[in-house]
């Protein structure tokens, strides 16, 4: 199991996700989106796995002020997410090609069972 947690800001869900895997002694690679910007391939994979609507943090006031919040085309959104990763909901938890956004222990439990 190769868990990566993408986060742009340390929020409560990111801390809970990190603790979830540490309590189960599963190594986690933390990726700060400010230091490790996402590439186009990674963003496309996230859109396929999570969905465009679930990826953007449209409830955040700062995000709603950004024009990308109103984009519906991937061709416009992908460069915007690469330049402004704070537009994303976090944490994004990745296990190979499987991904979740937010705190989703039920899904992670199924990953652990499948990988055991």
N, C-alpha and C. Protein backbone atom coordinates (compact mmCIF):
# COMPACT_ATOMS: atom_id res chain seq x y z
N UNK A 1 0.85 -1.18 0.00
CA UNK A 1 0.00 0.00 0.00
C UNK A 1 0.89 1.23 0.00
N UNK A 2 0.66 2.11 -0.97
CA UNK A 2 1.46 3.31 -1.13
C UNK A 2 0.54 4.53 -1.04
N UNK A 3 0.41 5.09 0.15
CA UNK A 3 -0.53 6.17 0.39
C UNK A 3 0.17 7.52 0.26
N UNK A 4 -0.46 8.39 -0.52
CA UNK A 4 -0.01 9.77 -0.64
C UNK A 4 -1.17 10.66 -0.23
N UNK A 5 -0.87 11.67 0.57
CA UNK A 5 -1.89 12.64 0.97
C UNK A 5 -1.47 14.00 0.44
N UNK A 6 -2.28 14.52 -0.47
CA UNK A 6 -2.04 15.86 -1.02
C UNK A 6 -2.82 16.85 -0.17
N UNK A 7 -2.13 17.90 0.26
CA UNK A 7 -2.83 18.94 1.01
C UNK A 7 -2.20 20.29 0.69
N UNK A 8 -3.04 21.29 0.64
CA UNK A 8 -2.56 22.64 0.38
C UNK A 8 -2.55 23.44 1.66
N UNK A 9 -3.43 23.09 2.54
CA UNK A 9 -3.52 23.77 3.82
C UNK A 9 -3.80 22.71 4.88
N UNK A 10 -3.24 22.91 6.03
CA UNK A 10 -3.47 21.96 7.11
C UNK A 10 -4.86 22.19 7.67
N UNK A 11 -5.81 21.41 7.23
CA UNK A 11 -7.15 21.53 7.79
C UNK A 11 -7.43 20.31 8.66
N UNK A 12 -8.55 20.32 9.31
CA UNK A 12 -8.89 19.25 10.26
C UNK A 12 -8.98 17.90 9.56
N UNK A 13 -9.57 17.86 8.36
CA UNK A 13 -9.69 16.58 7.64
C UNK A 13 -8.32 16.02 7.23
N UNK A 14 -7.40 16.90 6.88
CA UNK A 14 -6.05 16.44 6.53
C UNK A 14 -5.38 15.81 7.76
N UNK A 15 -5.53 16.44 8.90
CA UNK A 15 -4.95 15.90 10.13
C UNK A 15 -5.58 14.57 10.49
N UNK A 16 -6.91 14.46 10.32
CA UNK A 16 -7.59 13.19 10.63
C UNK A 16 -7.14 12.09 9.67
N UNK A 17 -6.96 12.41 8.40
CA UNK A 17 -6.53 11.42 7.42
C UNK A 17 -5.12 10.92 7.76
N UNK A 18 -4.25 11.83 8.09
CA UNK A 18 -2.88 11.47 8.46
C UNK A 18 -2.88 10.56 9.70
N UNK A 19 -3.69 10.92 10.68
CA UNK A 19 -3.78 10.12 11.91
C UNK A 19 -4.38 8.74 11.63
N UNK A 20 -5.38 8.66 10.75
CA UNK A 20 -6.02 7.39 10.39
C UNK A 20 -4.97 6.38 9.93
N UNK A 21 -4.09 6.79 9.02
CA UNK A 21 -3.10 5.85 8.49
C UNK A 21 -1.98 5.58 9.49
N UNK A 22 -1.59 6.58 10.26
CA UNK A 22 -0.54 6.37 11.26
C UNK A 22 -1.00 5.39 12.34
N UNK A 23 -2.27 5.47 12.74
CA UNK A 23 -2.80 4.54 13.76
C UNK A 23 -2.78 3.10 13.26
N UNK A 24 -2.85 2.92 11.95
CA UNK A 24 -2.84 1.58 11.36
C UNK A 24 -1.44 1.19 10.86
N UNK A 25 -0.47 2.00 11.22
CA UNK A 25 0.95 1.78 10.86
C UNK A 25 1.14 1.62 9.35
N UNK A 26 0.42 2.45 8.60
CA UNK A 26 0.56 2.47 7.15
C UNK A 26 1.36 3.71 6.80
N UNK A 27 2.51 3.53 6.16
CA UNK A 27 3.34 4.69 5.83
C UNK A 27 2.61 5.63 4.87
N UNK A 28 2.80 6.92 5.11
CA UNK A 28 2.13 7.95 4.33
C UNK A 28 3.17 8.92 3.79
N UNK A 29 3.00 9.31 2.55
CA UNK A 29 3.83 10.35 1.97
C UNK A 29 2.96 11.61 1.90
N UNK A 30 3.35 12.64 2.64
CA UNK A 30 2.60 13.90 2.64
C UNK A 30 3.16 14.79 1.53
N UNK A 31 2.26 15.30 0.69
CA UNK A 31 2.67 16.17 -0.41
C UNK A 31 1.98 17.52 -0.25
N UNK A 32 2.78 18.53 0.03
CA UNK A 32 2.27 19.89 0.16
C UNK A 32 2.13 20.47 -1.24
N UNK A 33 0.92 20.81 -1.62
CA UNK A 33 0.66 21.30 -2.97
C UNK A 33 1.35 22.62 -3.27
N UNK A 34 1.73 23.35 -2.22
CA UNK A 34 2.46 24.60 -2.44
C UNK A 34 3.89 24.31 -2.89
N UNK A 35 4.48 23.25 -2.35
CA UNK A 35 5.87 22.89 -2.68
C UNK A 35 5.95 21.95 -3.88
N UNK A 36 4.93 21.11 -4.06
CA UNK A 36 4.91 20.11 -5.13
C UNK A 36 3.68 20.34 -6.01
N UNK A 37 3.76 21.30 -6.93
CA UNK A 37 2.58 21.55 -7.76
C UNK A 37 2.22 20.33 -8.61
N UNK A 38 0.94 20.18 -8.87
CA UNK A 38 0.46 19.04 -9.64
C UNK A 38 0.73 19.24 -11.12
N UNK A 39 1.07 18.15 -11.78
CA UNK A 39 1.24 18.17 -13.22
C UNK A 39 -0.08 17.89 -13.92
N UNK A 40 -0.12 18.12 -15.21
CA UNK A 40 -1.35 17.92 -15.97
C UNK A 40 -1.85 16.49 -15.87
N UNK A 41 -0.92 15.51 -15.93
CA UNK A 41 -1.32 14.10 -15.85
C UNK A 41 -1.99 13.78 -14.52
N UNK A 42 -1.41 14.29 -13.43
CA UNK A 42 -1.98 14.04 -12.11
C UNK A 42 -3.37 14.67 -11.98
N UNK A 43 -3.52 15.88 -12.50
CA UNK A 43 -4.81 16.56 -12.42
C UNK A 43 -5.85 15.80 -13.23
N UNK A 44 -5.48 15.32 -14.41
CA UNK A 44 -6.42 14.55 -15.24
C UNK A 44 -6.84 13.26 -14.52
N UNK A 45 -5.88 12.59 -13.86
CA UNK A 45 -6.20 11.38 -13.11
C UNK A 45 -7.17 11.70 -11.97
N UNK A 46 -6.93 12.80 -11.28
CA UNK A 46 -7.82 13.21 -10.18
C UNK A 46 -9.23 13.50 -10.69
N UNK A 47 -9.32 14.16 -11.84
CA UNK A 47 -10.63 14.46 -12.40
C UNK A 47 -11.36 13.17 -12.75
N UNK A 48 -10.63 12.20 -13.32
CA UNK A 48 -11.25 10.92 -13.68
C UNK A 48 -11.71 10.15 -12.44
N UNK A 49 -10.88 10.13 -11.40
CA UNK A 49 -11.17 9.34 -10.21
C UNK A 49 -12.17 10.02 -9.26
N UNK A 50 -12.06 11.33 -9.11
CA UNK A 50 -12.84 12.04 -8.11
C UNK A 50 -14.01 12.80 -8.74
N UNK A 51 -13.79 13.28 -9.94
CA UNK A 51 -14.83 14.08 -10.60
C UNK A 51 -14.56 15.56 -10.42
N UNK A 52 -14.80 16.30 -11.47
CA UNK A 52 -14.53 17.73 -11.47
C UNK A 52 -15.30 18.47 -10.39
N UNK A 53 -16.57 18.13 -10.22
CA UNK A 53 -17.41 18.82 -9.23
C UNK A 53 -16.92 18.57 -7.81
N UNK A 54 -16.38 17.39 -7.54
CA UNK A 54 -15.92 17.05 -6.19
C UNK A 54 -14.53 17.58 -5.89
N UNK A 55 -13.81 17.98 -6.92
CA UNK A 55 -12.42 18.39 -6.75
C UNK A 55 -12.27 19.84 -6.31
N UNK A 56 -13.10 20.72 -6.84
CA UNK A 56 -13.00 22.15 -6.50
C UNK A 56 -13.69 22.44 -5.18
N UNK A 57 -13.04 23.27 -4.37
CA UNK A 57 -13.60 23.66 -3.08
C UNK A 57 -14.47 24.91 -3.26
N UNK A 58 -15.62 24.73 -3.89
CA UNK A 58 -16.49 25.86 -4.23
C UNK A 58 -17.17 26.49 -3.00
N UNK A 59 -17.01 25.90 -1.84
CA UNK A 59 -17.59 26.48 -0.63
C UNK A 59 -16.66 27.50 0.01
N UNK A 60 -15.39 27.48 -0.36
CA UNK A 60 -14.41 28.41 0.18
C UNK A 60 -14.60 29.78 -0.46
N UNK A 61 -14.65 30.81 0.36
CA UNK A 61 -14.88 32.17 -0.15
C UNK A 61 -13.79 32.60 -1.13
N UNK A 62 -12.55 32.31 -0.79
CA UNK A 62 -11.43 32.69 -1.65
C UNK A 62 -11.52 31.99 -3.02
N UNK A 63 -11.95 30.73 -3.02
CA UNK A 63 -12.08 29.96 -4.27
C UNK A 63 -13.20 30.55 -5.12
N UNK A 64 -14.31 30.93 -4.50
CA UNK A 64 -15.43 31.50 -5.25
C UNK A 64 -15.06 32.82 -5.92
N UNK A 65 -14.05 33.49 -5.41
CA UNK A 65 -13.60 34.76 -6.01
C UNK A 65 -12.70 34.54 -7.22
N UNK A 66 -12.22 33.31 -7.40
CA UNK A 66 -11.32 33.00 -8.52
C UNK A 66 -12.14 32.60 -9.75
N UNK A 67 -11.78 33.10 -10.93
CA UNK A 67 -12.55 32.76 -12.14
C UNK A 67 -12.63 31.25 -12.41
N UNK A 68 -11.62 30.49 -12.01
CA UNK A 68 -11.60 29.04 -12.27
C UNK A 68 -12.76 28.33 -11.59
N UNK A 69 -13.29 28.92 -10.55
CA UNK A 69 -14.41 28.32 -9.84
C UNK A 69 -15.62 28.15 -10.77
N UNK A 70 -15.66 28.94 -11.81
CA UNK A 70 -16.81 28.92 -12.73
C UNK A 70 -16.50 28.25 -14.06
N UNK A 71 -15.30 27.67 -14.17
CA UNK A 71 -14.95 26.95 -15.39
C UNK A 71 -15.64 25.58 -15.39
N UNK A 72 -16.08 25.14 -16.55
CA UNK A 72 -16.66 23.81 -16.68
C UNK A 72 -15.87 22.95 -17.65
N UNK A 73 -14.91 23.54 -18.34
CA UNK A 73 -14.12 22.80 -19.32
C UNK A 73 -12.78 22.41 -18.72
N UNK A 74 -12.44 21.13 -18.91
CA UNK A 74 -11.15 20.65 -18.39
C UNK A 74 -9.99 21.44 -18.96
N UNK A 75 -10.07 21.81 -20.24
CA UNK A 75 -8.97 22.51 -20.90
C UNK A 75 -8.66 23.85 -20.21
N UNK A 76 -9.64 24.47 -19.60
CA UNK A 76 -9.42 25.72 -18.86
C UNK A 76 -9.04 25.45 -17.41
N UNK A 77 -9.64 24.42 -16.85
CA UNK A 77 -9.47 24.14 -15.43
C UNK A 77 -8.11 23.54 -15.08
N UNK A 78 -7.60 22.67 -15.94
CA UNK A 78 -6.33 22.00 -15.63
C UNK A 78 -5.18 22.99 -15.42
N UNK A 79 -4.96 23.95 -16.33
CA UNK A 79 -3.88 24.92 -16.06
C UNK A 79 -4.14 25.75 -14.80
N UNK A 80 -5.40 26.09 -14.55
CA UNK A 80 -5.74 26.88 -13.35
C UNK A 80 -5.41 26.11 -12.08
N UNK A 81 -5.72 24.81 -12.05
CA UNK A 81 -5.42 23.99 -10.87
C UNK A 81 -3.91 23.81 -10.69
N UNK A 82 -3.18 23.74 -11.79
CA UNK A 82 -1.72 23.64 -11.70
C UNK A 82 -1.10 24.88 -11.10
N UNK A 83 -1.67 26.03 -11.44
CA UNK A 83 -1.13 27.31 -10.94
C UNK A 83 -1.66 27.67 -9.55
N UNK A 84 -2.88 27.23 -9.25
CA UNK A 84 -3.51 27.61 -7.98
C UNK A 84 -4.08 26.37 -7.28
N UNK A 85 -3.21 25.54 -6.69
CA UNK A 85 -3.69 24.30 -6.06
C UNK A 85 -4.60 24.54 -4.86
N UNK A 86 -4.63 25.74 -4.33
CA UNK A 86 -5.52 26.05 -3.20
C UNK A 86 -6.99 26.01 -3.61
N UNK A 87 -7.27 25.86 -4.91
CA UNK A 87 -8.64 25.73 -5.38
C UNK A 87 -9.22 24.34 -5.07
N UNK A 88 -8.34 23.39 -4.78
CA UNK A 88 -8.75 22.00 -4.56
C UNK A 88 -9.26 21.77 -3.14
N UNK A 89 -10.21 20.86 -3.02
CA UNK A 89 -10.61 20.35 -1.70
C UNK A 89 -9.47 19.46 -1.22
N UNK A 90 -9.22 19.47 0.05
CA UNK A 90 -8.18 18.60 0.59
C UNK A 90 -8.71 17.94 1.85
N UNK A 91 -8.12 16.84 2.24
CA UNK A 91 -7.00 16.14 1.62
C UNK A 91 -7.45 15.29 0.43
N UNK A 92 -6.55 15.14 -0.51
CA UNK A 92 -6.75 14.17 -1.58
C UNK A 92 -5.85 13.00 -1.22
N UNK A 93 -6.46 11.85 -1.00
CA UNK A 93 -5.72 10.66 -0.58
C UNK A 93 -5.63 9.72 -1.77
N UNK A 94 -4.40 9.31 -2.08
CA UNK A 94 -4.16 8.48 -3.25
C UNK A 94 -3.50 7.17 -2.85
N UNK A 95 -4.02 6.09 -3.42
CA UNK A 95 -3.43 4.76 -3.26
C UNK A 95 -3.34 4.18 -4.67
N UNK A 96 -2.22 4.37 -5.33
CA UNK A 96 -2.08 3.95 -6.72
C UNK A 96 -2.97 4.81 -7.60
N UNK A 97 -3.91 4.20 -8.30
CA UNK A 97 -4.83 4.97 -9.15
C UNK A 97 -6.14 5.28 -8.43
N UNK A 98 -6.31 4.77 -7.21
CA UNK A 98 -7.53 5.03 -6.44
C UNK A 98 -7.34 6.32 -5.64
N UNK A 99 -8.39 7.13 -5.60
CA UNK A 99 -8.30 8.41 -4.89
C UNK A 99 -9.61 8.75 -4.20
N UNK A 100 -9.46 9.51 -3.13
CA UNK A 100 -10.62 10.08 -2.44
C UNK A 100 -10.30 11.53 -2.13
N UNK A 101 -11.34 12.29 -1.87
CA UNK A 101 -11.17 13.66 -1.41
C UNK A 101 -11.92 13.81 -0.10
N UNK A 102 -11.30 14.49 0.85
CA UNK A 102 -11.91 14.63 2.17
C UNK A 102 -11.57 13.45 3.06
N UNK A 103 -12.25 13.38 4.18
CA UNK A 103 -12.03 12.30 5.16
C UNK A 103 -12.99 11.17 4.85
N UNK A 104 -12.47 10.03 4.36
CA UNK A 104 -13.32 8.91 3.94
C UNK A 104 -12.78 7.58 4.46
N UNK A 105 -12.86 7.35 5.78
CA UNK A 105 -12.29 6.13 6.35
C UNK A 105 -12.94 4.84 5.84
N UNK A 106 -14.22 4.89 5.44
CA UNK A 106 -14.87 3.66 4.94
C UNK A 106 -14.19 3.19 3.66
N UNK A 107 -13.87 4.13 2.78
CA UNK A 107 -13.20 3.79 1.52
C UNK A 107 -11.80 3.28 1.82
N UNK A 108 -11.09 3.94 2.71
CA UNK A 108 -9.73 3.52 3.04
C UNK A 108 -9.71 2.14 3.68
N UNK A 109 -10.74 1.83 4.49
CA UNK A 109 -10.87 0.48 5.06
C UNK A 109 -10.97 -0.55 3.94
N UNK A 110 -11.74 -0.25 2.90
CA UNK A 110 -11.88 -1.19 1.79
C UNK A 110 -10.56 -1.35 1.06
N UNK A 111 -9.75 -0.30 0.96
CA UNK A 111 -8.44 -0.41 0.34
C UNK A 111 -7.56 -1.36 1.15
N UNK A 112 -7.60 -1.19 2.47
CA UNK A 112 -6.76 -2.02 3.35
C UNK A 112 -7.17 -3.48 3.23
N UNK A 113 -8.49 -3.75 3.25
CA UNK A 113 -8.96 -5.14 3.10
C UNK A 113 -8.55 -5.71 1.75
N UNK A 114 -8.66 -4.93 0.69
CA UNK A 114 -8.33 -5.41 -0.66
C UNK A 114 -6.84 -5.68 -0.80
N UNK A 115 -6.01 -4.91 -0.10
CA UNK A 115 -4.56 -5.05 -0.22
C UNK A 115 -3.99 -6.06 0.77
N UNK A 116 -4.81 -6.60 1.67
CA UNK A 116 -4.32 -7.56 2.69
C UNK A 116 -4.20 -8.93 2.11
